[in-house]
C-alpha atoms as a PDB file:
ATOM      1  CA  MET A   1       0.091  -0.046  -0.053  1.00  0.00           C
ATOM      2  CA  ARG A   2       1.350   3.350  -1.101  1.00  0.00           C
ATOM      3  CA  VAL A   3       0.262   6.563   0.837  1.00  0.00           C
ATOM      4  CA  LEU A   4      -0.499   9.773  -1.175  1.00  0.00           C
ATOM      5  CA  VAL A   5      -0.924  13.183   0.597  1.00  0.00           C
ATOM      6  CA  PHE A   6      -2.687  15.349  -1.585  1.00  0.00           C
ATOM      7  CA  GLY A   7      -2.541  18.683  -0.050  1.00  0.00           C
ATOM      8  CA  SER A   8      -1.086  22.116   0.715  1.00  0.00           C
ATOM      9  CA  ALA A   9       2.524  23.143   0.998  1.00  0.00           C
ATOM     10  CA  ASN A  10       3.023  26.632   2.546  1.00  0.00           C
ATOM     11  CA  ILE A  11       6.022  28.871   3.450  1.00  0.00           C
ATOM     12  CA  ASP A  12       5.356  29.734   7.053  1.00  0.00           C
ATOM     13  CA  ARG A  13       6.249  32.975   8.678  1.00  0.00           C
ATOM     14  CA  THR A  14       6.243  32.384  12.443  1.00  0.00           C
ATOM     15  CA  TYR A  15       6.290  35.333  14.967  1.00  0.00           C
ATOM     16  CA  ALA A  16       7.087  34.809  18.732  1.00  0.00           C
ATOM     17  CA  VAL A  17       4.724  37.249  20.362  1.00  0.00           C
ATOM     18  CA  GLU A  18       3.606  38.075  23.816  1.00  0.00           C
ATOM     19  CA  HIS A  19      -0.036  37.673  23.235  1.00  0.00           C
ATOM     20  CA  PHE A  20      -2.177  37.402  20.093  1.00  0.00           C
ATOM     21  CA  VAL A  21      -2.638  40.644  18.197  1.00  0.00           C
ATOM     22  CA  ASN A  22      -5.844  42.382  19.177  1.00  0.00           C
ATOM     23  CA  ALA A  23      -8.046  44.459  16.732  1.00  0.00           C
ATOM     24  CA  GLY A  24      -6.421  47.930  16.234  1.00  0.00           C
ATOM     25  CA  GLU A  25      -3.208  46.825  18.022  1.00  0.00           C
ATOM     26  CA  THR A  26       0.154  47.115  16.714  1.00  0.00           C
ATOM     27  CA  LEU A  27       2.380  44.562  18.384  1.00  0.00           C
ATOM     28  CA  SER A  28       6.054  44.010  18.128  1.00  0.00           C
ATOM     29  CA  ALA A  29       7.434  40.375  17.637  1.00  0.00           C
ATOM     30  CA  ASP A  30      10.330  39.021  19.566  1.00  0.00           C
ATOM     31  CA  LYS A  31      11.698  37.159  16.402  1.00  0.00           C
ATOM     32  CA  MET A  32      10.463  35.686  13.244  1.00  0.00           C
ATOM     33  CA  ASN A  33      11.541  32.297  11.650  1.00  0.00           C
ATOM     34  CA  LEU A  34      10.782  30.905   8.088  1.00  0.00           C
ATOM     35  CA  PHE A  35       9.538  27.488   8.069  1.00  0.00           C
ATOM     36  CA  CYS A  36       8.181  25.009   5.546  1.00  0.00           C
ATOM     37  CA  GLY A  37       4.542  23.960   6.416  1.00  0.00           C
ATOM     38  CA  GLY A  38       1.130  23.591   5.191  1.00  0.00           C
ATOM     39  CA  LYS A  39      -1.045  20.692   6.583  1.00  0.00           C
ATOM     40  CA  GLY A  40      -0.394  18.650   3.574  1.00  0.00           C
ATOM     41  CA  PHE A  41       3.333  19.184   3.668  1.00  0.00           C
ATOM     42  CA  ASN A  42       3.497  18.511   7.421  1.00  0.00           C
ATOM     43  CA  GLN A  43       1.304  15.299   7.157  1.00  0.00           C
ATOM     44  CA  ALA A  44       3.619  14.061   4.462  1.00  0.00           C
ATOM     45  CA  ILE A  45       6.655  14.639   6.399  1.00  0.00           C
ATOM     46  CA  ALA A  46       4.875  12.898   9.455  1.00  0.00           C
ATOM     47  CA  PHE A  47       4.033   9.807   7.272  1.00  0.00           C
ATOM     48  CA  ALA A  48       7.882   9.745   6.122  1.00  0.00           C
ATOM     49  CA  ARG A  49       9.008  10.034   9.665  1.00  0.00           C
ATOM     50  CA  ALA A  50       6.721   7.170  10.832  1.00  0.00           C
ATOM     51  CA  GLY A  51       8.091   4.943   8.242  1.00  0.00           C
ATOM     52  CA  SER A  52       5.493   5.003   5.328  1.00  0.00           C
ATOM     53  CA  ASP A  53       6.112   4.953   1.552  1.00  0.00           C
ATOM     54  CA  VAL A  54       4.554   8.427   0.930  1.00  0.00           C
ATOM     55  CA  TYR A  55       4.041  10.532  -2.110  1.00  0.00           C
ATOM     56  CA  PHE A  56       3.074  14.129  -2.211  1.00  0.00           C
ATOM     57  CA  ALA A  57       0.687  15.810  -4.664  1.00  0.00           C
ATOM     58  CA  GLY A  58      -0.160  19.431  -4.917  1.00  0.00           C
ATOM     59  CA  ALA A  59       1.372  22.627  -6.368  1.00  0.00           C
ATOM     60  CA  VAL A  60       3.958  25.206  -5.437  1.00  0.00           C
ATOM     61  CA  GLY A  61       4.853  28.674  -6.841  1.00  0.00           C
ATOM     62  CA  GLU A  62       7.902  30.146  -8.162  1.00  0.00           C
ATOM     63  CA  ASP A  63       9.162  30.529  -4.657  1.00  0.00           C
ATOM     64  CA  GLY A  64       8.438  26.877  -3.801  1.00  0.00           C
ATOM     65  CA  GLY A  65      11.904  25.376  -4.349  1.00  0.00           C
ATOM     66  CA  ILE A  66      12.388  25.407  -0.544  1.00  0.00           C
ATOM     67  CA  LEU A  67       9.272  23.283  -0.152  1.00  0.00           C
ATOM     68  CA  TYR A  68      10.169  20.742  -3.021  1.00  0.00           C
ATOM     69  CA  ASP A  69      13.562  20.315  -1.480  1.00  0.00           C
ATOM     70  CA  ALA A  70      12.433  19.810   2.008  1.00  0.00           C
ATOM     71  CA  LEU A  71      10.052  17.144   1.081  1.00  0.00           C
ATOM     72  CA  LYS A  72      12.486  15.242  -0.943  1.00  0.00           C
ATOM     73  CA  GLU A  73      15.181  15.515   1.690  1.00  0.00           C
ATOM     74  CA  SER A  74      12.769  13.964   4.107  1.00  0.00           C
ATOM     75  CA  GLY A  75      12.169  10.857   1.896  1.00  0.00           C
ATOM     76  CA  VAL A  76       8.934  11.888   0.435  1.00  0.00           C
ATOM     77  CA  ASN A  77       8.340  11.186  -3.402  1.00  0.00           C
ATOM     78  CA  VAL A  78       7.714  14.499  -5.055  1.00  0.00           C
ATOM     79  CA  ASP A  79       6.973  13.248  -8.623  1.00  0.00           C
ATOM     80  CA  HIS A  80       3.416  14.603  -8.558  1.00  0.00           C
ATOM     81  CA  LEU A  81       4.264  18.204  -7.012  1.00  0.00           C
ATOM     82  CA  LYS A  82       3.462  20.598  -9.684  1.00  0.00           C
ATOM     83  CA  ARG A  83       5.400  23.940 -10.143  1.00  0.00           C
ATOM     84  CA  ILE A  84       3.253  26.788 -11.511  1.00  0.00           C
ATOM     85  CA  PRO A  85       3.820  30.723 -11.944  1.00  0.00           C
ATOM     86  CA  GLY A  86       2.854  33.047  -9.101  1.00  0.00           C
ATOM     87  CA  PRO A  87       3.442  32.513  -5.256  1.00  0.00           C
ATOM     88  CA  SER A  88       3.282  29.425  -3.098  1.00  0.00           C
ATOM     89  CA  GLY A  89       0.704  29.199  -0.297  1.00  0.00           C
ATOM     90  CA  HIS A  90       1.915  30.923   2.847  1.00  0.00           C
ATOM     91  CA  ALA A  91       0.904  31.375   6.452  1.00  0.00           C
ATOM     92  CA  VAL A  92       1.330  34.090   9.071  1.00  0.00           C
ATOM     93  CA  ILE A  93       1.506  32.320  12.576  1.00  0.00           C
ATOM     94  CA  GLN A  94       1.672  33.938  16.070  1.00  0.00           C
ATOM     95  CA  VAL A  95       3.056  31.909  18.693  1.00  0.00           C
ATOM     96  CA  THR A  96       2.857  32.886  22.384  1.00  0.00           C
ATOM     97  CA  PRO A  97       5.046  32.030  25.250  1.00  0.00           C
ATOM     98  CA  ASP A  98       2.748  29.201  26.389  1.00  0.00           C
ATOM     99  CA  GLY A  99       2.971  27.592  22.984  1.00  0.00           C
ATOM    100  CA  GLN A 100      -0.415  28.401  21.584  1.00  0.00           C
ATOM    101  CA  ASN A 101      -0.743  29.568  17.971  1.00  0.00           C
ATOM    102  CA  SER A 102      -2.905  31.585  15.681  1.00  0.00           C
ATOM    103  CA  ILE A 103      -2.782  31.178  11.965  1.00  0.00           C
ATOM    104  CA  ILE A 104      -3.675  33.007   8.903  1.00  0.00           C
ATOM    105  CA  ILE A 105      -3.184  31.164   5.535  1.00  0.00           C
ATOM    106  CA  LEU A 106      -3.284  32.272   1.960  1.00  0.00           C
ATOM    107  CA  ALA A 107      -4.021  29.704  -0.643  1.00  0.00           C
ATOM    108  CA  GLY A 108      -1.665  30.812  -3.344  1.00  0.00           C
ATOM    109  CA  SER A 109      -0.698  27.956  -5.458  1.00  0.00           C
ATOM    110  CA  ASN A 110      -2.713  25.441  -3.292  1.00  0.00           C
ATOM    111  CA  GLY A 111      -5.753  27.027  -4.640  1.00  0.00           C
ATOM    112  CA  ALA A 112      -4.904  26.164  -8.321  1.00  0.00           C
ATOM    113  CA  ILE A 113      -5.392  22.260  -8.331  1.00  0.00           C
ATOM    114  CA  THR A 114      -7.673  21.475 -11.322  1.00  0.00           C
ATOM    115  CA  HIS A 115      -9.776  18.442 -12.096  1.00  0.00           C
ATOM    116  CA  GLU A 116      -7.199  17.581 -14.892  1.00  0.00           C
ATOM    117  CA  ASP A 117      -4.440  17.850 -12.178  1.00  0.00           C
ATOM    118  CA  VAL A 118      -6.441  15.289  -9.974  1.00  0.00           C
ATOM    119  CA  ASP A 119      -7.153  12.817 -12.829  1.00  0.00           C
ATOM    120  CA  GLN A 120      -3.281  12.743 -13.719  1.00  0.00           C
ATOM    121  CA  VAL A 121      -2.252  12.230 -10.201  1.00  0.00           C
ATOM    122  CA  LEU A 122      -4.676   9.466  -9.285  1.00  0.00           C
ATOM    123  CA  ASN A 123      -4.025   7.592 -12.541  1.00  0.00           C
ATOM    124  CA  ALA A 124      -0.729   6.632 -11.136  1.00  0.00           C
ATOM    125  CA  PHE A 125      -2.263   5.040  -8.067  1.00  0.00           C
ATOM    126  CA  SER A 126      -4.310   1.860  -7.379  1.00  0.00           C
ATOM    127  CA  ALA A 127      -7.235   0.311  -5.489  1.00  0.00           C
ATOM    128  CA  GLY A 128      -6.191  -0.110  -1.783  1.00  0.00           C
ATOM    129  CA  ASP A 129      -3.627   2.833  -1.746  1.00  0.00           C
ATOM    130  CA  LEU A 130      -4.401   5.441   0.858  1.00  0.00           C
ATOM    131  CA  ILE A 131      -4.990   9.097  -0.079  1.00  0.00           C
ATOM    132  CA  VAL A 132      -4.951  11.706   2.817  1.00  0.00           C
ATOM    133  CA  LEU A 133      -6.724  14.863   2.285  1.00  0.00           C
ATOM    134  CA  GLN A 134      -7.183  18.371   4.262  1.00  0.00           C
ATOM    135  CA  ASN A 135      -9.045  21.561   3.149  1.00  0.00           C
ATOM    136  CA  GLU A 136      -6.249  23.848   2.177  1.00  0.00           C
ATOM    137  CA  ILE A 137      -6.416  23.002  -1.683  1.00  0.00           C
ATOM    138  CA  SER A 138      -8.923  23.279  -4.381  1.00  0.00           C
ATOM    139  CA  SER A 139     -10.908  20.349  -5.900  1.00  0.00           C
ATOM    140  CA  VAL A 140     -11.131  18.359  -2.482  1.00  0.00           C
ATOM    141  CA  ASP A 141     -14.727  17.323  -3.228  1.00  0.00           C
ATOM    142  CA  TYR A 142     -13.586  16.091  -6.717  1.00  0.00           C
ATOM    143  CA  ILE A 143     -10.500  14.192  -5.283  1.00  0.00           C
ATOM    144  CA  ILE A 144     -12.892  12.361  -2.720  1.00  0.00           C
ATOM    145  CA  ASP A 145     -15.216  11.400  -5.723  1.00  0.00           C
ATOM    146  CA  GLN A 146     -12.381  10.133  -7.790  1.00  0.00           C
ATOM    147  CA  ALA A 147     -10.366   8.332  -5.319  1.00  0.00           C
ATOM    148  CA  LYS A 148     -13.397   6.487  -4.001  1.00  0.00           C
ATOM    149  CA  GLU A 149     -14.208   5.456  -7.537  1.00  0.00           C
ATOM    150  CA  ARG A 150     -10.691   4.120  -8.039  1.00  0.00           C
ATOM    151  CA  GLY A 151     -10.965   2.101  -4.818  1.00  0.00           C
ATOM    152  CA  MET A 152      -8.566   3.954  -2.831  1.00  0.00           C
ATOM    153  CA  ILE A 153      -8.801   4.466   0.969  1.00  0.00           C
ATOM    154  CA  VAL A 154      -9.919   7.935   1.762  1.00  0.00           C
ATOM    155  CA  ALA A 155      -8.859   9.807   4.987  1.00  0.00           C
ATOM    156  CA  LEU A 156      -9.927  13.305   5.571  1.00  0.00           C
ATOM    157  CA  ASN A 157      -8.676  15.997   8.109  1.00  0.00           C
ATOM    158  CA  PRO A 158     -11.328  18.678   7.506  1.00  0.00           C
ATOM    159  CA  SER A 159      -9.288  21.444   8.500  1.00  0.00           C
ATOM    160  CA  PRO A 160      -9.559  24.447   8.024  1.00  0.00           C
ATOM    161  CA  PHE A 161     -13.389  23.810   8.733  1.00  0.00           C
ATOM    162  CA  ASN A 162     -15.651  25.943   6.498  1.00  0.00           C
ATOM    163  CA  GLU A 163     -18.925  25.605   4.852  1.00  0.00           C
ATOM    164  CA  LYS A 164     -17.412  23.787   1.783  1.00  0.00           C
ATOM    165  CA  ILE A 165     -16.834  20.681   4.231  1.00  0.00           C
ATOM    166  CA  LYS A 166     -20.547  20.164   4.622  1.00  0.00           C
ATOM    167  CA  CYS A 167     -20.918  19.901   0.710  1.00  0.00           C
ATOM    168  CA  TYR A 168     -18.375  17.047   0.410  1.00  0.00           C
ATOM    169  CA  ASP A 169     -19.806  13.524   0.303  1.00  0.00           C
ATOM    170  CA  LEU A 170     -18.270  12.335   3.636  1.00  0.00           C
ATOM    171  CA  SER A 171     -19.931   9.126   3.224  1.00  0.00           C
ATOM    172  CA  LYS A 172     -17.076   8.304   0.975  1.00  0.00           C
ATOM    173  CA  VAL A 173     -14.470   8.937   3.607  1.00  0.00           C
ATOM    174  CA  ASP A 174     -12.861   5.801   5.366  1.00  0.00           C
ATOM    175  CA  TYR A 175     -11.030   7.761   8.027  1.00  0.00           C
ATOM    176  CA  LEU A 176     -12.269  11.107   9.346  1.00  0.00           C
ATOM    177  CA  LEU A 177      -9.733  12.873  11.757  1.00  0.00           C
ATOM    178  CA  VAL A 178     -11.031  15.882  13.614  1.00  0.00           C
ATOM    179  CA  ASN A 179     -10.205  17.909  16.534  1.00  0.00           C
ATOM    180  CA  GLU A 180     -12.761  19.149  19.172  1.00  0.00           C
ATOM    181  CA  VAL A 181     -13.430  22.322  17.289  1.00  0.00           C
ATOM    182  CA  GLU A 182     -14.199  20.831  13.955  1.00  0.00           C
ATOM    183  CA  GLY A 183     -16.287  18.029  15.508  1.00  0.00           C
ATOM    184  CA  ALA A 184     -18.409  20.625  17.178  1.00  0.00           C
ATOM    185  CA  LEU A 185     -18.902  22.447  13.852  1.00  0.00           C
ATOM    186  CA  LEU A 186     -19.700  19.301  11.986  1.00  0.00           C
ATOM    187  CA  THR A 187     -22.093  17.958  14.456  1.00  0.00           C
ATOM    188  CA  ASP A 188     -23.261  20.741  16.381  1.00  0.00           C
ATOM    189  CA  CYS A 189     -22.552  18.987  19.559  1.00  0.00           C
ATOM    190  CA  ASP A 190     -20.603  20.618  22.184  1.00  0.00           C
ATOM    191  CA  ASP A 191     -20.037  17.814  24.536  1.00  0.00           C
ATOM    192  CA  SER A 192     -16.751  16.440  23.820  1.00  0.00           C
ATOM    193  CA  LYS A 193     -17.522  13.093  25.440  1.00  0.00           C
ATOM    194  CA  LYS A 194     -20.492  12.681  23.040  1.00  0.00           C
ATOM    195  CA  MET A 195     -18.914  14.114  19.917  1.00  0.00           C
ATOM    196  CA  ALA A 196     -17.177  10.979  18.677  1.00  0.00           C
ATOM    197  CA  GLY A 197     -20.320   9.089  18.780  1.00  0.00           C
ATOM    198  CA  ALA A 198     -22.236  11.925  17.169  1.00  0.00           C
ATOM    199  CA  ILE A 199     -19.908  11.860  14.144  1.00  0.00           C
ATOM    200  CA  HIS A 200     -19.984   8.050  14.039  1.00  0.00           C
ATOM    201  CA  ALA A 201     -23.836   8.235  13.971  1.00  0.00           C
ATOM    202  CA  MET A 202     -23.633  10.697  11.056  1.00  0.00           C
ATOM    203  CA  TYR A 203     -20.964   8.874   9.089  1.00  0.00           C
ATOM    204  CA  PRO A 204     -21.138   5.193  10.117  1.00  0.00           C
ATOM    205  CA  ASN A 205     -18.830   4.022   7.239  1.00  0.00           C
ATOM    206  CA  ALA A 206     -15.926   5.955   8.522  1.00  0.00           C
ATOM    207  CA  ASN A 207     -13.485   5.281  11.408  1.00  0.00           C
ATOM    208  CA  VAL A 208     -13.722   8.430  13.470  1.00  0.00           C
ATOM    209  CA  VAL A 209     -10.556   9.767  15.339  1.00  0.00           C
ATOM    210  CA  LEU A 210     -11.437  12.980  17.607  1.00  0.00           C
ATOM    211  CA  THR A 211      -8.471  14.784  19.303  1.00  0.00           C
ATOM    212  CA  LEU A 212      -9.255  16.391  22.496  1.00  0.00           C
ATOM    213  CA  GLY A 213      -6.058  18.508  23.419  1.00  0.00           C
ATOM    214  CA  CYS A 214      -5.042  17.773  26.957  1.00  0.00           C
ATOM    215  CA  ALA A 215      -8.062  15.282  27.240  1.00  0.00           C
ATOM    216  CA  GLY A 216      -6.360  12.807  24.859  1.00  0.00           C
ATOM    217  CA  SER A 217      -8.184  11.277  21.856  1.00  0.00           C
ATOM    218  CA  VAL A 218     -10.750   8.812  21.124  1.00  0.00           C
ATOM    219  CA  PHE A 219     -11.362   6.288  18.196  1.00  0.00           C
ATOM    220  CA  VAL A 220     -14.657   4.764  17.027  1.00  0.00           C
ATOM    221  CA  SER A 221     -14.480   2.137  14.357  1.00  0.00           C
ATOM    222  CA  THR A 222     -17.080   1.444  11.807  1.00  0.00           C
ATOM    223  CA  THR A 223     -18.326  -1.360  13.908  1.00  0.00           C
ATOM    224  CA  GLY A 224     -18.737   0.741  16.771  1.00  0.00           C
ATOM    225  CA  THR A 225     -15.609  -0.123  18.745  1.00  0.00           C
ATOM    226  CA  VAL A 226     -14.249   2.525  21.145  1.00  0.00           C
ATOM    227  CA  LEU A 227     -10.725   3.078  22.032  1.00  0.00           C
ATOM    228  CA  SER A 228      -8.926   5.945  23.707  1.00  0.00           C
ATOM    229  CA  SER A 229      -5.665   7.382  24.593  1.00  0.00           C
ATOM    230  CA  GLY A 230      -4.225  10.066  26.798  1.00  0.00           C
ATOM    231  CA  ILE A 231      -1.646  12.466  25.835  1.00  0.00           C
ATOM    232  CA  TYR A 232       2.257  12.278  26.129  1.00  0.00           C
ATOM    233  CA  GLN A 233       3.120  14.562  28.690  1.00  0.00           C
ATOM    234  CA  THR A 234       5.697  17.208  27.746  1.00  0.00           C
ATOM    235  CA  GLU A 235       6.598  20.829  28.109  1.00  0.00           C
ATOM    236  CA  VAL A 236       4.537  22.819  25.317  1.00  0.00           C
ATOM    237  CA  VAL A 237       6.513  25.364  23.474  1.00  0.00           C
ATOM    238  CA  ASP A 238       4.595  25.177  19.930  1.00  0.00           C
ATOM    239  CA  THR A 239       1.326  23.362  19.026  1.00  0.00           C
ATOM    240  CA  THR A 240       1.706  24.209  15.098  1.00  0.00           C
ATOM    241  CA  ALA A 241       2.068  20.699  13.899  1.00  0.00           C
ATOM    242  CA  ALA A 242       0.683  18.679  16.475  1.00  0.00           C
ATOM    243  CA  GLY A 243      -2.480  17.671  14.592  1.00  0.00           C
ATOM    244  CA  ASP A 244      -0.556  16.950  11.460  1.00  0.00           C
ATOM    245  CA  THR A 245       1.770  14.895  13.409  1.00  0.00           C
ATOM    246  CA  TYR A 246      -1.012  12.918  14.949  1.00  0.00           C
ATOM    247  CA  THR A 247      -2.553  12.291  11.641  1.00  0.00           C
ATOM    248  CA  GLY A 248       0.531  10.833   9.994  1.00  0.00           C
ATOM    249  CA  PHE A 249       1.525   8.598  12.883  1.00  0.00           C
ATOM    250  CA  PHE A 250      -2.082   7.394  13.691  1.00  0.00           C
ATOM    251  CA  LEU A 251      -2.732   6.410   9.960  1.00  0.00           C
ATOM    252  CA  SER A 252       0.648   5.106   9.310  1.00  0.00           C
ATOM    253  CA  GLU A 253       0.334   2.494  12.058  1.00  0.00           C
ATOM    254  CA  ALA A 254      -3.361   1.788  11.517  1.00  0.00           C
ATOM    255  CA  LEU A 255      -3.159   0.973   7.901  1.00  0.00           C
ATOM    256  CA  ALA A 256       0.136  -0.942   8.283  1.00  0.00           C
ATOM    257  CA  SER A 257      -0.809  -3.126  11.153  1.00  0.00           C
ATOM    258  CA  GLY A 258      -4.509  -2.875  11.934  1.00  0.00           C
ATOM    259  CA  ASP A 259      -3.509  -2.162  15.539  1.00  0.00           C
ATOM    260  CA  TYR A 260      -5.572   0.905  16.509  1.00  0.00           C
ATOM    261  CA  GLU A 261      -4.536   0.810  20.224  1.00  0.00           C
ATOM    262  CA  THR A 262      -0.662   1.047  19.085  1.00  0.00           C
ATOM    263  CA  ALA A 263      -1.830   3.631  16.503  1.00  0.00           C
ATOM    264  CA  LEU A 264      -3.333   5.799  19.109  1.00  0.00           C
ATOM    265  CA  ARG A 265      -0.396   5.452  21.429  1.00  0.00           C
ATOM    266  CA  ASN A 266       2.216   6.268  18.758  1.00  0.00           C
ATOM    267  CA  ALA A 267       0.086   9.305  17.510  1.00  0.00           C
ATOM    268  CA  ALA A 268      -0.061  10.507  21.181  1.00  0.00           C
ATOM    269  CA  ILE A 269       3.625  10.136  21.618  1.00  0.00           C
ATOM    270  CA  ALA A 270       4.623  11.566  18.295  1.00  0.00           C
ATOM    271  CA  SER A 271       2.403  14.733  18.755  1.00  0.00           C
ATOM    272  CA  GLY A 272       3.544  15.209  22.353  1.00  0.00           C
ATOM    273  CA  ILE A 273       7.070  15.310  21.160  1.00  0.00           C
ATOM    274  CA  SER A 274       6.147  17.702  18.395  1.00  0.00           C
ATOM    275  CA  VAL A 275       4.682  20.347  20.786  1.00  0.00           C
ATOM    276  CA  SER A 276       7.747  20.349  22.792  1.00  0.00           C
ATOM    277  CA  ARG A 277       9.784  21.671  20.012  1.00  0.00           C
ATOM    278  CA  HIS A 278       9.488  24.906  17.765  1.00  0.00           C
ATOM    279  CA  GLY A 279       8.410  25.037  14.155  1.00  0.00           C
ATOM    280  CA  ALA A 280       6.186  22.852  12.231  1.00  0.00           C
ATOM    281  CA  SER A 281       7.846  19.979  10.228  1.00  0.00           C
ATOM    282  CA  GLN A 282      11.135  20.625  12.055  1.00  0.00           C
ATOM    283  CA  SER A 283       9.232  19.422  15.303  1.00  0.00           C
ATOM    284  CA  ILE A 284       8.018  16.153  13.919  1.00  0.00           C
ATOM    285  CA  PRO A 285       9.883  13.140  15.636  1.00  0.00           C
ATOM    286  CA  SER A 286      11.074   9.922  13.725  1.00  0.00           C
ATOM    287  CA  ILE A 287       9.599   6.512  14.526  1.00  0.00           C
ATOM    288  CA  ALA A 288      12.671   5.538  16.421  1.00  0.00           C
ATOM    289  CA  GLU A 289      12.170   8.578  18.892  1.00  0.00           C
ATOM    290  CA  VAL A 290       8.467   7.427  19.348  1.00  0.00           C
ATOM    291  CA  HIS A 291       9.667   3.715  20.086  1.00  0.00           C
ATOM    292  CA  GLU A 292      12.344   5.025  22.468  1.00  0.00           C
ATOM    293  CA  ALA A 293       9.747   7.335  24.387  1.00  0.00           C
ATOM    294  CA  ASP A 294       9.024   6.684  28.138  1.00  0.00           C
ATOM    295  CA  LEU A 295       5.634   5.128  28.054  1.00  0.00           C
ATOM    296  CA  GLY A 296       4.995   6.135  31.628  1.00  0.00           C
ATOM    297  CA  CYS A 297       4.513   9.770  30.352  1.00  0.00           C
ATOM    298  CA  VAL A 298       1.530   8.559  28.328  1.00  0.00           C
ATOM    299  CA  GLN A 299      -1.346   9.854  30.515  1.00  0.00           C
ATOM    300  CA  LYS A 300      -4.445   7.793  31.089  1.00  0.00           C
ATOM    301  CA  ALA A 301      -7.337   8.674  28.845  1.00  0.00           C
ATOM    302  CA  SER A 302     -10.420  10.755  30.120  1.00  0.00           C
ATOM    303  CA  ILE A 303     -12.627   8.822  27.907  1.00  0.00           C
ATOM    304  CA  LEU A 304     -12.825   5.314  28.179  1.00  0.00           C
ATOM    305  CA  SER A 305     -16.196   3.447  27.714  1.00  0.00           C
ATOM    306  CA  ASN A 306     -18.533   3.093  24.884  1.00  0.00           C
ATOM    307  CA  GLU A 307     -21.356   4.507  26.948  1.00  0.00           C
ATOM    308  CA  GLU A 308     -19.605   7.785  27.245  1.00  0.00           C
ATOM    309  CA  VAL A 309     -19.224   8.395  23.674  1.00  0.00           C
ATOM    310  CA  LYS A 310     -22.737   7.551  22.721  1.00  0.00           C
ATOM    311  CA  PRO A 311     -24.532  10.639  21.240  1.00  0.00           C
END
């Protein structure tokens, strides 16, 4: 099985600030760092560092050489990464001293994915291959439809969440990975303990992964089996790539072995390590680091039973 991440690649400008800037305020940053990022880019790096055979499809602009090189150097196949005129996608990220972030993104080249591009990429893949999507590029609805028609396994992280998500045919998604904010917007349910069950009720053909920040994560399979994991306790300095790291490590293990408990634990450890480091893709650990981690630092999950997650 091959992994195809069809998604965004951004050039991130990350500003260290005392607090998130308020309306009408001019705020001086302590420093600025330039990073490669984008949810698709980060997830592809996470898959590679988790040990998967991963391909990246998307588009970068005239300034995108740094993105192309970083993917290739990390072991990601870039044969399907298109270069086009104009700027690459980019993000402006504020990071506070406690590691929280606020992000503004501009699509740039990520918004130039056409149906013809999709067909050309998917023709190179086969039934049983995994395709991983987010919501930072154009033509996501078409990609879902075409990937499913070809018999691919479809995983979606519906981030950033907007009204387009509700127009996608999510019944065709095999793995739906959401955080608490996205889950609430998708279901209109604000009870985190009921949210995973509510998503499962809406999309019973999808394996659902719900991440809940410091409360851990919960998994509901298509058969209704419920598993959960606590977080890997570390000092938080930057949460920028935590969710993308989680996605890559969870799906890498889940699809390779079918062992969802190990997948949850690996994802918790990997994302815990990532938030203890600055930057996006730079913060993502290797599978060796995950295996060497102290399992005693994985906290007990706060959600444990099938009854608790029922809507």
